[in-house]
C-alpha atoms as a PDB file:
ATOM      1  CA  MET A   1    -130.075  -7.415-183.788  1.00  0.00           C
ATOM      2  CA  VAL A   2    -127.563 -10.207-183.436  1.00  0.00           C
ATOM      3  CA  CYS A   3    -128.954 -13.603-182.523  1.00  0.00           C
ATOM      4  CA  SER A   4    -127.158 -15.312-179.705  1.00  0.00           C
ATOM      5  CA  ILE A   5    -127.155 -19.048-179.290  1.00  0.00           C
ATOM      6  CA  GLY A   6    -125.942 -20.839-176.218  1.00  0.00           C
ATOM      7  CA  ASP A   7    -124.896 -17.767-174.225  1.00  0.00           C
ATOM      8  CA  SER A   8    -126.492 -15.558-171.582  1.00  0.00           C
ATOM      9  CA  TYR A   9    -128.465 -13.566-174.193  1.00  0.00           C
ATOM     10  CA  ASP A  10    -130.022 -16.653-175.791  1.00  0.00           C
ATOM     11  CA  ASN A  11    -133.265 -16.565-173.787  1.00  0.00           C
ATOM     12  CA  ALA A  12    -133.064 -12.997-172.465  1.00  0.00           C
ATOM     13  CA  LEU A  13    -136.205 -11.725-174.209  1.00  0.00           C
ATOM     14  CA  ALA A  14    -138.310 -14.667-173.066  1.00  0.00           C
ATOM     15  CA  GLU A  15    -136.963 -14.376-169.517  1.00  0.00           C
ATOM     16  CA  VAL A  16    -137.790 -10.658-169.355  1.00  0.00           C
ATOM     17  CA  PHE A  17    -141.312 -11.253-170.652  1.00  0.00           C
ATOM     18  CA  HIS A  18    -141.978 -14.063-168.176  1.00  0.00           C
ATOM     19  CA  SER A  19    -140.601 -11.975-165.315  1.00  0.00           C
ATOM     20  CA  LEU A  20    -142.904  -9.068-166.193  1.00  0.00           C
ATOM     21  CA  PHE A  21    -145.825 -11.437-166.722  1.00  0.00           C
ATOM     22  CA  LYS A  22    -145.375 -13.004-163.300  1.00  0.00           C
ATOM     23  CA  ALA A  23    -144.907  -9.659-161.542  1.00  0.00           C
ATOM     24  CA  GLU A  24    -147.664  -7.713-163.307  1.00  0.00           C
ATOM     25  CA  LEU A  25    -150.321 -10.390-163.558  1.00  0.00           C
ATOM     26  CA  ILE A  26    -149.750 -13.401-161.346  1.00  0.00           C
ATOM     27  CA  ARG A  27    -148.460 -11.687-158.192  1.00  0.00           C
ATOM     28  CA  ASN A  28    -150.176  -8.293-158.465  1.00  0.00           C
ATOM     29  CA  ARG A  29    -153.659  -9.441-159.509  1.00  0.00           C
ATOM     30  CA  GLY A  30    -153.900 -12.756-157.680  1.00  0.00           C
ATOM     31  CA  PRO A  31    -154.834 -14.826-155.770  1.00  0.00           C
ATOM     32  CA  TRP A  32    -156.746 -16.776-158.369  1.00  0.00           C
ATOM     33  CA  THR A  33    -159.814 -18.761-157.374  1.00  0.00           C
ATOM     34  CA  SER A  34    -160.105 -20.971-160.466  1.00  0.00           C
ATOM     35  CA  PHE A  35    -158.219 -22.088-163.539  1.00  0.00           C
ATOM     36  CA  ASP A  36    -160.834 -20.427-165.781  1.00  0.00           C
ATOM     37  CA  GLU A  37    -160.360 -17.095-164.003  1.00  0.00           C
ATOM     38  CA  LEU A  38    -156.600 -17.316-164.519  1.00  0.00           C
ATOM     39  CA  ALA A  39    -156.965 -18.386-168.170  1.00  0.00           C
ATOM     40  CA  ILE A  40    -159.132 -15.346-168.943  1.00  0.00           C
ATOM     41  CA  ALA A  41    -156.701 -13.045-167.137  1.00  0.00           C
ATOM     42  CA  VAL A  42    -153.776 -14.478-169.137  1.00  0.00           C
ATOM     43  CA  ALA A  43    -155.630 -13.948-172.439  1.00  0.00           C
ATOM     44  CA  GLU A  44    -156.432 -10.359-171.448  1.00  0.00           C
ATOM     45  CA  TYR A  45    -152.811  -9.736-170.432  1.00  0.00           C
ATOM     46  CA  ILE A  46    -151.453 -11.087-173.744  1.00  0.00           C
ATOM     47  CA  ASP A  47    -153.960  -8.950-175.659  1.00  0.00           C
ATOM     48  CA  TRP A  48    -152.953  -5.856-173.654  1.00  0.00           C
ATOM     49  CA  PHE A  49    -149.226  -6.613-174.089  1.00  0.00           C
ATOM     50  CA  ASN A  50    -149.565  -7.011-177.868  1.00  0.00           C
ATOM     51  CA  ARG A  51    -151.422  -3.696-178.168  1.00  0.00           C
ATOM     52  CA  SER A  52    -149.249  -1.569-175.833  1.00  0.00           C
ATOM     53  CA  LEU A  53    -146.345   0.574-177.024  1.00  0.00           C
ATOM     54  CA  HIS A  54    -142.831  -0.899-176.746  1.00  0.00           C
ATOM     55  CA  GLY A  55    -139.772   1.337-176.905  1.00  0.00           C
ATOM     56  CA  GLU A  56    -137.404  -1.341-178.152  1.00  0.00           C
ATOM     57  CA  ILE A  57    -139.343  -1.641-181.414  1.00  0.00           C
ATOM     58  CA  GLY A  58    -139.930   2.056-182.114  1.00  0.00           C
ATOM     59  CA  LEU A  59    -142.830   2.828-179.748  1.00  0.00           C
ATOM     60  CA  VAL A  60    -145.301   0.689-181.654  1.00  0.00           C
ATOM     61  CA  PRO A  61    -147.375  -2.238-180.410  1.00  0.00           C
ATOM     62  CA  PRO A  62    -145.919  -5.705-181.125  1.00  0.00           C
ATOM     63  CA  ALA A  63    -149.010  -6.650-183.165  1.00  0.00           C
ATOM     64  CA  GLU A  64    -148.454  -3.638-185.460  1.00  0.00           C
ATOM     65  CA  PHE A  65    -144.704  -4.292-185.667  1.00  0.00           C
ATOM     66  CA  GLU A  66    -145.317  -7.918-186.655  1.00  0.00           C
ATOM     67  CA  SER A  67    -147.926  -6.947-189.247  1.00  0.00           C
ATOM     68  CA  ASP A  68    -145.547  -4.400-190.811  1.00  0.00           C
ATOM     69  CA  PHE A  69    -142.731  -6.957-190.814  1.00  0.00           C
ATOM     70  CA  TYR A  70    -144.760  -9.553-192.692  1.00  0.00           C
ATOM     71  CA  GLN A  71    -146.128  -6.978-195.149  1.00  0.00           C
ATOM     72  CA  HIS A  72    -142.586  -5.885-196.022  1.00  0.00           C
ATOM     73  CA  LYS A  73    -141.377  -9.482-196.124  1.00  0.00           C
ATOM     74  CA  HIS A  74    -144.204 -10.375-198.523  1.00  0.00           C
ATOM     75  CA  VAL A  75    -143.358  -7.414-200.780  1.00  0.00           C
ATOM     76  CA  SER A  76    -139.679  -8.380-200.696  1.00  0.00           C
ATOM     77  CA  ALA A  77    -140.493 -12.000-201.594  1.00  0.00           C
ATOM     78  CA  GLU A  78    -142.633 -10.847-204.531  1.00  0.00           C
ATOM     79  CA  ALA A  79    -139.830  -8.567-205.745  1.00  0.00           C
ATOM     80  CA  ASP A  80    -137.330 -11.436-205.505  1.00  0.00           C
ATOM     81  CA  ALA A  81    -139.689 -13.695-207.461  1.00  0.00           C
ATOM     82  CA  SER A  82    -140.083 -11.129-210.244  1.00  0.00           C
ATOM     83  CA  VAL A  83    -136.331 -11.034-210.911  1.00  0.00           C
ATOM     84  CA  GLY A  84    -135.557 -13.372-213.770  1.00  0.00           C
ATOM     85  CA  SER A  85    -133.305 -16.336-213.170  1.00  0.00           C
ATOM     86  CA  LEU A  86    -129.795 -16.262-214.598  1.00  0.00           C
ATOM     87  CA  HIS A  87    -129.797 -20.023-215.109  1.00  0.00           C
END
């Protein structure tokens, strides 16, 4: 994935998430009667989102994808550290 800075793709992922969030939670499940009710609904939505399957990352939940990423990054960092310095 190529990172874009300062063009139309810069905030595309965040904009898509917020659009879905507003459509799926705020508009479809409202009206909200209290801030506490909305706060609980937001926490539940984030939990559901992080545990649902996403096609763009190989049909795995974001929480699992992130965990795998950091496990591999940690292994890679350890491997880099075990290589002796040439200096």
